Amino acid sequence: MRKTYFAALMITAGLLLSGCQSLYNEPDNSLYLQLGERAGIANIVENLLYLIVDDERINEQFKGMDVVQFHRNLTDQLCELSGGPCEYSGREMRELHAAMGITDTQFNALVENLILAMEKDHVPTAAQNRLIKQLLPLYPDIRHL
């Protein structure tokens, strides 16, 4: 009887622990949700595009681009980086920005505009900061230091 009780206890503990473990392995999509999921991210990117057009510090860098493709790729990229179900399939950042000669001022202007686009959509500041933190590792590939 004691062996049966012990075996049942061990099985129950194993199931509980594996259940808890699966909770920790779940992707954290809270940032994705705070950004408004894919539709919210697409709206943020659209707002960003309007800000880019009006920003003389950076609008020259974007002349002649395929706006639809840019919107789709950036939406996918932000969606993926925020923990969403999207997959970015655009070019690598280093390859994409190789000949652009982006300055710190231009990079900072784009980040500033992204923050303004998120504020327009009432994205909480903490979520804005989390997204910016996800984008920071891309800086060396964009800026080519």
Protein backbone atom coordinates (compact mmCIF):
# COMPACT_ATOMS: atom_id res chain seq x y z
CA MET A 1 0.00 0.00 0.00
CA ARG A 2 2.80 2.36 0.92
CA LYS A 3 4.59 1.74 -2.42
CA THR A 4 1.38 2.51 -4.33
CA TYR A 5 0.88 5.75 -2.36
CA PHE A 6 4.52 6.76 -2.94
CA ALA A 7 4.27 5.98 -6.69
CA ALA A 8 1.06 7.98 -6.99
CA LEU A 9 2.67 10.88 -5.11
CA MET A 10 5.71 10.80 -7.41
CA ILE A 11 3.53 10.71 -10.55
CA THR A 12 1.43 13.60 -9.25
CA ALA A 13 4.55 15.62 -8.36
CA GLY A 14 6.03 14.89 -11.79
CA LEU A 15 2.87 16.02 -13.54
CA LEU A 16 2.72 19.19 -11.46
CA LEU A 17 6.36 19.99 -12.10
CA SER A 18 6.08 19.33 -15.82
CA GLY A 19 2.98 21.52 -15.90
CA CYS A 20 4.82 24.31 -14.13
CA GLN A 21 7.80 23.85 -16.41
CA SER A 22 5.60 24.25 -19.47
CA LEU A 23 4.38 27.56 -18.05
CA TYR A 24 7.96 28.81 -18.03
CA ASN A 25 8.57 27.59 -21.57
CA GLU A 26 5.55 29.42 -22.97
CA PRO A 27 6.57 32.39 -25.11
CA ASP A 28 6.06 35.71 -23.37
CA ASN A 29 3.58 37.50 -25.59
CA SER A 30 2.63 40.16 -23.07
CA LEU A 31 4.54 42.83 -25.03
CA TYR A 32 2.83 41.68 -28.22
CA LEU A 33 -0.53 42.05 -26.48
CA GLN A 34 0.38 45.48 -25.06
CA LEU A 35 1.26 46.67 -28.55
CA GLY A 36 -2.22 45.66 -29.73
CA GLU A 37 -1.24 42.41 -31.42
CA ARG A 38 -0.57 42.44 -35.17
CA ALA A 39 -3.25 45.03 -35.95
CA GLY A 40 -1.91 47.40 -33.30
CA ILE A 41 1.67 46.94 -34.50
CA ALA A 42 0.58 47.58 -38.10
CA ASN A 43 -1.07 50.79 -36.93
CA ILE A 44 2.08 51.86 -35.08
CA VAL A 45 4.12 51.24 -38.25
CA GLU A 46 1.64 53.26 -40.31
CA ASN A 47 1.91 56.15 -37.84
CA LEU A 48 5.69 55.82 -38.03
CA LEU A 49 5.62 56.08 -41.83
CA TYR A 50 3.73 59.38 -41.66
CA LEU A 51 6.22 60.70 -39.11
CA ILE A 52 9.16 59.64 -41.31
CA VAL A 53 7.74 61.51 -44.32
CA ASP A 54 7.45 64.69 -42.26
CA ASP A 55 10.89 64.38 -40.62
CA GLU A 56 13.55 66.19 -42.65
CA ARG A 57 16.28 64.52 -40.60
CA ILE A 58 15.51 61.11 -42.11
CA ASN A 59 12.98 61.30 -44.94
CA GLU A 60 15.69 61.32 -47.63
CA GLN A 61 16.88 57.89 -46.46
CA PHE A 62 13.45 56.47 -47.22
CA LYS A 63 12.85 58.03 -50.66
CA GLY A 64 12.04 55.50 -53.35
CA MET A 65 11.32 52.64 -50.97
CA ASP A 66 8.45 50.25 -51.48
CA VAL A 67 6.11 51.52 -48.76
CA VAL A 68 3.89 48.42 -48.77
CA GLN A 69 6.87 46.08 -48.41
CA PHE A 70 8.46 48.29 -45.74
CA HIS A 71 5.19 48.34 -43.78
CA ARG A 72 4.78 44.55 -44.01
CA ASN A 73 8.41 43.78 -43.12
CA LEU A 74 8.61 46.19 -40.19
CA THR A 75 5.24 45.01 -38.89
CA ASP A 76 6.44 41.40 -39.06
CA GLN A 77 9.74 42.27 -37.43
CA LEU A 78 8.17 44.18 -34.53
CA CYS A 79 5.56 41.46 -34.15
CA GLU A 80 8.25 38.77 -33.90
CA LEU A 81 10.47 40.82 -31.57
CA SER A 82 7.53 41.47 -29.25
CA GLY A 83 6.76 37.77 -28.86
CA GLY A 84 3.99 37.55 -31.42
CA PRO A 85 3.31 34.74 -33.87
CA CYS A 86 4.81 36.57 -36.86
CA GLU A 87 8.04 35.73 -38.64
CA TYR A 88 10.24 38.43 -40.17
CA SER A 89 11.34 37.28 -43.61
CA GLY A 90 12.99 40.47 -44.85
CA ARG A 91 16.69 41.01 -45.49
CA GLU A 92 19.27 40.98 -42.71
CA MET A 93 19.75 44.39 -41.05
CA ARG A 94 23.45 44.65 -41.95
CA GLU A 95 22.80 43.89 -45.62
CA LEU A 96 19.78 46.16 -45.76
CA HIS A 97 21.56 49.19 -44.27
CA ALA A 98 25.08 48.61 -45.66
CA ALA A 99 25.15 51.47 -48.17
CA MET A 100 22.93 53.89 -46.28
CA GLY A 101 25.57 55.51 -44.07
CA ILE A 102 23.10 56.05 -41.24
CA THR A 103 24.30 58.54 -38.64
CA ASP A 104 23.57 58.48 -34.92
CA THR A 105 21.30 61.48 -35.44
CA GLN A 106 19.27 59.64 -38.07
CA PHE A 107 19.08 56.48 -35.98
CA ASN A 108 17.94 58.47 -32.95
CA ALA A 109 15.39 60.35 -35.07
CA LEU A 110 13.83 57.08 -36.20
CA VAL A 111 13.67 55.79 -32.62
CA GLU A 112 12.13 59.11 -31.52
CA ASN A 113 9.50 58.77 -34.25
CA LEU A 114 8.79 55.18 -33.24
CA ILE A 115 8.17 56.35 -29.68
CA LEU A 116 5.86 59.10 -30.95
CA ALA A 117 3.99 56.54 -33.08
CA MET A 118 3.54 54.30 -30.02
CA GLU A 119 2.41 57.24 -27.89
CA LYS A 120 -0.18 58.12 -30.53
CA ASP A 121 -1.58 54.60 -30.08
CA HIS A 122 -1.48 54.95 -26.27
CA VAL A 123 1.07 52.16 -25.80
CA PRO A 124 2.15 52.17 -22.15
CA THR A 125 5.63 53.59 -21.53
CA ALA A 126 6.84 50.31 -20.02
CA ALA A 127 5.84 48.47 -23.22
CA GLN A 128 7.56 51.13 -25.33
CA ASN A 129 10.74 50.64 -23.32
CA ARG A 130 10.51 46.86 -23.67
CA LEU A 131 10.19 47.13 -27.44
CA ILE A 132 13.12 49.56 -27.67
CA LYS A 133 15.16 47.11 -25.57
CA GLN A 134 14.34 44.37 -28.10
CA LEU A 135 15.51 46.63 -30.94
CA LEU A 136 18.80 47.70 -29.34
CA PRO A 137 20.77 44.60 -30.43
CA LEU A 138 20.07 45.61 -34.06
CA TYR A 139 21.89 48.94 -33.64
CA PRO A 140 25.39 47.73 -34.67
CA ASP A 141 24.01 46.15 -37.85
CA ILE A 142 22.08 49.28 -38.78
CA ARG A 143 24.74 51.80 -37.80
CA HIS A 144 27.82 49.70 -38.84
CA LEU A 145 30.09 50.74 -36.02
